[in-house]
Amino acid sequence: MSKAILKSKRMNKTISANRAKTSAANPTLDTIKMVEQTLSKMSEYTSKNRLWRALPKQVQYPTFKTVLDYLEKSNKIMYDKDGTIIWIFVDNPKLKRLKETSKSLL
């Protein structure tokens, strides 16, 4: 085979491998909703792995990490010092109760 054909085949393999990597980390809306619902039910998980295993459907781990990054940036979750994932979005009943019973410092 000529060098041009070999080079072309290598480039095609590289392109298809890159497509597979990028598509694996792009979550769908259904995946994001599934993670949100699982988190809101339990309110906190001690690790990413426990949350990942608690999901009702299997999700690739890179996609799962992308969803967690999105949820953190949109202020729906936060991480504790020890890595615990805490659901902090407004629909959390614990936070609503805490807000109702708290006193203003001003």
Protein backbone atom coordinates (compact mmCIF):
# COMPACT_ATOMS: atom_id res chain seq x y z
CA MET A 1 0.00 0.00 0.00
CA SER A 2 1.12 3.48 -0.61
CA LYS A 3 2.00 5.90 2.17
CA ALA A 4 -0.96 8.14 1.31
CA ILE A 5 -3.47 5.30 1.78
CA LEU A 6 -1.91 4.25 5.10
CA LYS A 7 -1.93 7.85 6.31
CA SER A 8 -5.56 8.23 5.25
CA LYS A 9 -6.58 5.06 7.13
CA ARG A 10 -4.80 6.25 10.29
CA MET A 11 -6.53 9.63 10.08
CA ASN A 12 -9.93 7.95 9.69
CA LYS A 13 -9.29 5.81 12.77
CA THR A 14 -8.24 8.90 14.75
CA ILE A 15 -11.31 10.86 13.66
CA SER A 16 -13.71 8.04 14.53
CA ALA A 17 -12.00 7.53 17.92
CA ASN A 18 -12.34 11.26 18.69
CA ARG A 19 -16.03 11.19 17.74
CA ALA A 20 -16.62 8.27 20.10
CA LYS A 21 -14.91 10.14 22.94
CA THR A 22 -16.87 13.36 22.49
CA SER A 23 -20.27 11.72 21.99
CA ALA A 24 -19.83 9.68 25.18
CA ALA A 25 -19.57 12.83 27.28
CA ASN A 26 -22.58 14.67 25.81
CA PRO A 27 -25.55 13.94 28.08
CA THR A 28 -29.12 14.03 26.88
CA LEU A 29 -31.86 15.90 28.69
CA ASP A 30 -33.28 12.58 29.91
CA THR A 31 -29.92 11.70 31.48
CA ILE A 32 -29.71 15.06 33.26
CA LYS A 33 -33.29 14.69 34.56
CA MET A 34 -32.58 11.14 35.77
CA VAL A 35 -29.54 12.29 37.76
CA GLU A 36 -31.48 15.28 39.17
CA GLN A 37 -34.39 13.09 40.29
CA THR A 38 -32.09 10.53 41.90
CA LEU A 39 -30.21 13.27 43.76
CA SER A 40 -33.34 15.10 44.90
CA LYS A 41 -34.88 11.90 46.32
CA MET A 42 -31.93 11.12 48.58
CA SER A 43 -30.67 14.71 49.02
CA GLU A 44 -27.04 13.63 49.45
CA TYR A 45 -24.63 10.89 48.42
CA THR A 46 -21.29 10.21 50.05
CA SER A 47 -19.45 9.75 46.75
CA LYS A 48 -19.82 10.07 43.00
CA ASN A 49 -19.55 6.31 42.68
CA ARG A 50 -22.50 5.67 45.02
CA LEU A 51 -24.67 8.12 43.14
CA TRP A 52 -23.59 6.64 39.81
CA ARG A 53 -24.54 3.14 40.99
CA ALA A 54 -27.87 4.38 42.41
CA LEU A 55 -29.08 5.63 39.01
CA PRO A 56 -32.03 3.65 37.61
CA LYS A 57 -30.37 3.32 34.18
CA GLN A 58 -26.74 2.82 33.26
CA VAL A 59 -24.82 5.91 32.21
CA GLN A 60 -21.25 6.06 30.99
CA TYR A 61 -19.03 7.54 33.68
CA PRO A 62 -17.64 10.42 31.52
CA THR A 63 -21.22 11.43 30.70
CA PHE A 64 -22.13 11.20 34.38
CA LYS A 65 -19.22 13.48 35.33
CA THR A 66 -20.33 15.98 32.68
CA VAL A 67 -23.83 16.02 34.22
CA LEU A 68 -22.37 16.62 37.69
CA ASP A 69 -20.25 19.50 36.36
CA TYR A 70 -23.36 21.03 34.79
CA LEU A 71 -25.38 20.63 38.02
CA GLU A 72 -22.61 22.23 40.06
CA LYS A 73 -22.29 25.18 37.69
CA SER A 74 -26.06 25.70 37.72
CA ASN A 75 -26.05 25.72 41.56
CA LYS A 76 -28.14 22.60 41.97
CA ILE A 77 -25.50 20.57 43.80
CA MET A 78 -22.44 21.26 45.90
CA TYR A 79 -19.61 19.16 47.25
CA ASP A 80 -18.83 18.92 50.94
CA LYS A 81 -15.23 18.87 52.24
CA ASP A 82 -15.20 15.08 52.21
CA GLY A 83 -16.64 14.82 48.68
CA THR A 84 -20.28 14.29 49.63
CA ILE A 85 -22.64 15.45 46.89
CA ILE A 86 -25.46 17.55 48.30
CA TRP A 87 -28.61 18.57 46.41
CA ILE A 88 -29.11 22.30 47.17
CA PHE A 89 -31.72 23.28 44.60
CA VAL A 90 -34.75 25.15 45.95
CA ASP A 91 -37.16 22.22 45.69
CA ASN A 92 -35.36 20.49 48.56
CA PRO A 93 -37.91 20.22 51.43
CA LYS A 94 -35.16 20.30 54.06
CA LEU A 95 -33.95 23.66 52.77
CA LYS A 96 -37.50 25.04 52.60
CA ARG A 97 -38.10 24.02 56.23
CA LEU A 98 -34.77 25.48 57.30
CA LYS A 99 -35.53 28.76 55.55
CA GLU A 100 -38.99 28.96 57.17
CA THR A 101 -37.67 28.30 60.68
CA SER A 102 -34.54 30.45 60.47
CA LYS A 103 -34.30 33.95 61.85
CA SER A 104 -32.97 36.90 59.92
CA LEU A 105 -29.74 38.45 61.19
CA LEU A 106 -30.63 41.85 59.76
